[in-house]
Amino acid sequence: MKNKMKTEYKVCTLEQSKKLVKLGVILETEWLWDVKSNPLRPEIKLTRKSTIHYDKELYKNFIFPAPDVAELGLLLPGDGWTVCSRKYTRDNSFLVEVCYMDDLDIKTFRGSSEAQAKADALIWLIEKGYLKSHYQNS
């Protein structure tokens, strides 16, 4: 029997998703973080976008895009940038390394999943100003 990876490990975390939205990144994703805001019974779950219908403006504080590894990979830069990802077997984490052209200054991001490491890399690239405009609202 095949081991199936949990969806939570295929997508970035809710906190990363919120950060990407705050940075203005426009994401159309297959998965969504659905946050129910009942203070007595908070509930956070992953939902397929195709299974729910919602008003984006009305639910902007409760529904967040949950990009997966492939969707995050499409957002990471090309054009002189090198982005490598690999599994680090010592602690079963994933590493994503980012560098520009022949620059020896390599920035490394570690996450419990490849999606989480890629999301951290994307957030860093945007915050440092290396990546912008065509992935963000103007």
Protein backbone atom coordinates (compact mmCIF):
# COMPACT_ATOMS: atom_id res chain seq x y z
CA MET A 1 0.00 0.00 0.00
CA LYS A 2 1.27 3.46 -0.93
CA ASN A 3 2.03 5.98 1.78
CA LYS A 4 0.11 9.12 0.97
CA MET A 5 1.59 12.45 2.00
CA LYS A 6 -0.68 14.58 4.17
CA THR A 7 -1.91 17.68 2.40
CA GLU A 8 -0.52 19.85 5.22
CA TYR A 9 2.99 18.85 4.07
CA LYS A 10 2.25 19.68 0.41
CA VAL A 11 1.37 23.34 1.07
CA CYS A 12 2.85 26.26 2.98
CA THR A 13 1.70 26.98 6.53
CA LEU A 14 -1.20 29.26 7.39
CA GLU A 15 1.24 31.82 8.83
CA GLN A 16 3.27 31.81 5.60
CA SER A 17 0.08 32.16 3.57
CA LYS A 18 -1.01 35.16 5.62
CA LYS A 19 2.44 36.73 5.16
CA LEU A 20 2.31 36.25 1.36
CA VAL A 21 -1.13 37.87 1.25
CA LYS A 22 0.11 40.76 3.42
CA LEU A 23 3.04 41.23 1.02
CA GLY A 24 0.51 41.59 -1.78
CA VAL A 25 1.21 38.36 -3.60
CA ILE A 26 -1.71 37.32 -5.80
CA LEU A 27 -2.24 33.57 -5.49
CA GLU A 28 -4.80 31.43 -7.26
CA THR A 29 -4.30 28.03 -5.66
CA GLU A 30 -5.93 24.63 -5.58
CA TRP A 31 -5.96 24.56 -1.76
CA LEU A 32 -7.20 27.14 0.75
CA TRP A 33 -6.70 27.57 4.48
CA ASP A 34 -10.22 27.91 5.89
CA VAL A 35 -10.13 29.61 9.29
CA LYS A 36 -13.29 29.51 11.36
CA SER A 37 -13.17 32.37 13.81
CA ASN A 38 -15.13 30.99 16.73
CA PRO A 39 -13.07 31.98 19.81
CA LEU A 40 -14.46 29.05 21.81
CA ARG A 41 -13.70 26.48 19.11
CA PRO A 42 -11.18 27.80 16.62
CA GLU A 43 -10.91 25.56 13.59
CA ILE A 44 -8.32 25.63 10.84
CA LYS A 45 -8.59 23.24 7.93
CA LEU A 46 -7.40 22.82 4.38
CA THR A 47 -10.12 22.85 1.75
CA ARG A 48 -10.02 22.33 -2.00
CA LYS A 49 -10.93 25.57 -3.71
CA SER A 50 -13.36 23.75 -5.99
CA THR A 51 -15.45 22.56 -3.01
CA ILE A 52 -16.37 25.96 -1.58
CA HIS A 53 -17.85 29.16 -2.95
CA TYR A 54 -17.14 32.37 -1.12
CA ASP A 55 -16.94 36.11 -1.59
CA LYS A 56 -13.22 36.97 -1.52
CA GLU A 57 -13.78 40.41 -0.02
CA LEU A 58 -16.21 39.20 2.66
CA TYR A 59 -14.00 36.30 3.74
CA LYS A 60 -10.56 37.89 3.32
CA ASN A 61 -9.77 37.39 7.02
CA PHE A 62 -10.94 33.77 7.08
CA ILE A 63 -9.87 32.21 3.75
CA PHE A 64 -6.21 32.19 2.69
CA PRO A 65 -4.53 30.62 -0.35
CA ALA A 66 -2.42 27.56 0.44
CA PRO A 67 0.05 27.23 -2.44
CA ASP A 68 1.62 23.83 -2.97
CA VAL A 69 5.21 22.99 -3.97
CA ALA A 70 4.55 23.35 -7.70
CA GLU A 71 2.65 26.65 -7.35
CA LEU A 72 5.43 28.09 -5.16
CA GLY A 73 8.05 26.87 -7.61
CA LEU A 74 6.39 28.88 -10.39
CA LEU A 75 6.63 32.03 -8.27
CA LEU A 76 10.34 31.65 -7.52
CA PRO A 77 12.63 33.59 -9.86
CA GLY A 78 14.59 32.50 -12.90
CA ASP A 79 16.66 34.98 -14.94
CA GLY A 80 20.04 34.51 -13.30
CA TRP A 81 18.73 33.06 -10.06
CA THR A 82 19.51 29.53 -8.99
CA VAL A 83 17.00 27.80 -6.74
CA CYS A 84 17.80 24.30 -5.52
CA SER A 85 15.78 22.14 -3.16
CA ARG A 86 16.67 18.86 -1.53
CA LYS A 87 15.75 16.68 1.39
CA TYR A 88 18.09 16.76 4.36
CA THR A 89 17.98 13.25 5.75
CA ARG A 90 19.61 13.89 9.11
CA ASP A 91 16.46 15.50 10.54
CA ASN A 92 14.04 14.75 7.67
CA SER A 93 13.73 18.43 6.75
CA PHE A 94 13.90 20.14 3.35
CA LEU A 95 16.42 22.72 2.25
CA VAL A 96 15.94 25.36 -0.42
CA GLU A 97 19.01 27.32 -1.48
CA VAL A 98 18.81 30.57 -3.41
CA CYS A 99 21.64 32.51 -5.04
CA TYR A 100 22.07 35.02 -7.85
CA MET A 101 24.33 34.28 -10.82
CA ASP A 102 27.89 33.55 -9.69
CA ASP A 103 27.41 35.08 -6.25
CA LEU A 104 28.84 32.77 -3.62
CA ASP A 105 26.48 34.17 -0.98
CA ILE A 106 23.92 31.36 -0.83
CA LYS A 107 20.80 31.87 1.28
CA THR A 108 19.43 28.63 2.74
CA PHE A 109 15.88 28.03 3.97
CA ARG A 110 14.89 24.95 5.97
CA GLY A 111 11.36 23.68 6.51
CA SER A 112 9.58 20.55 7.61
CA SER A 113 8.33 20.31 4.01
CA GLU A 114 9.59 21.51 0.65
CA ALA A 115 6.57 23.83 0.36
CA GLN A 116 7.40 25.49 3.68
CA ALA A 117 11.06 26.00 2.72
CA LYS A 118 10.04 27.42 -0.71
CA ALA A 119 7.50 29.76 0.91
CA ASP A 120 10.19 31.11 3.26
CA ALA A 121 12.49 31.67 0.26
CA LEU A 122 9.73 33.50 -1.63
CA ILE A 123 8.90 35.69 1.38
CA TRP A 124 12.59 36.57 1.83
CA LEU A 125 13.04 37.42 -1.87
CA ILE A 126 10.02 39.76 -1.77
CA GLU A 127 10.97 41.40 1.54
CA LYS A 128 14.52 42.06 0.26
CA GLY A 129 13.13 43.57 -2.95
CA TYR A 130 14.60 40.92 -5.27
CA LEU A 131 11.18 39.83 -6.50
CA LYS A 132 8.17 42.06 -6.98
CA SER A 133 5.59 43.70 -9.24
CA HIS A 134 4.24 41.01 -11.56
CA TYR A 135 3.35 38.74 -8.61
CA GLN A 136 1.90 41.56 -6.53
CA ASN A 137 -0.95 44.04 -6.62
CA SER A 138 0.21 47.36 -8.04
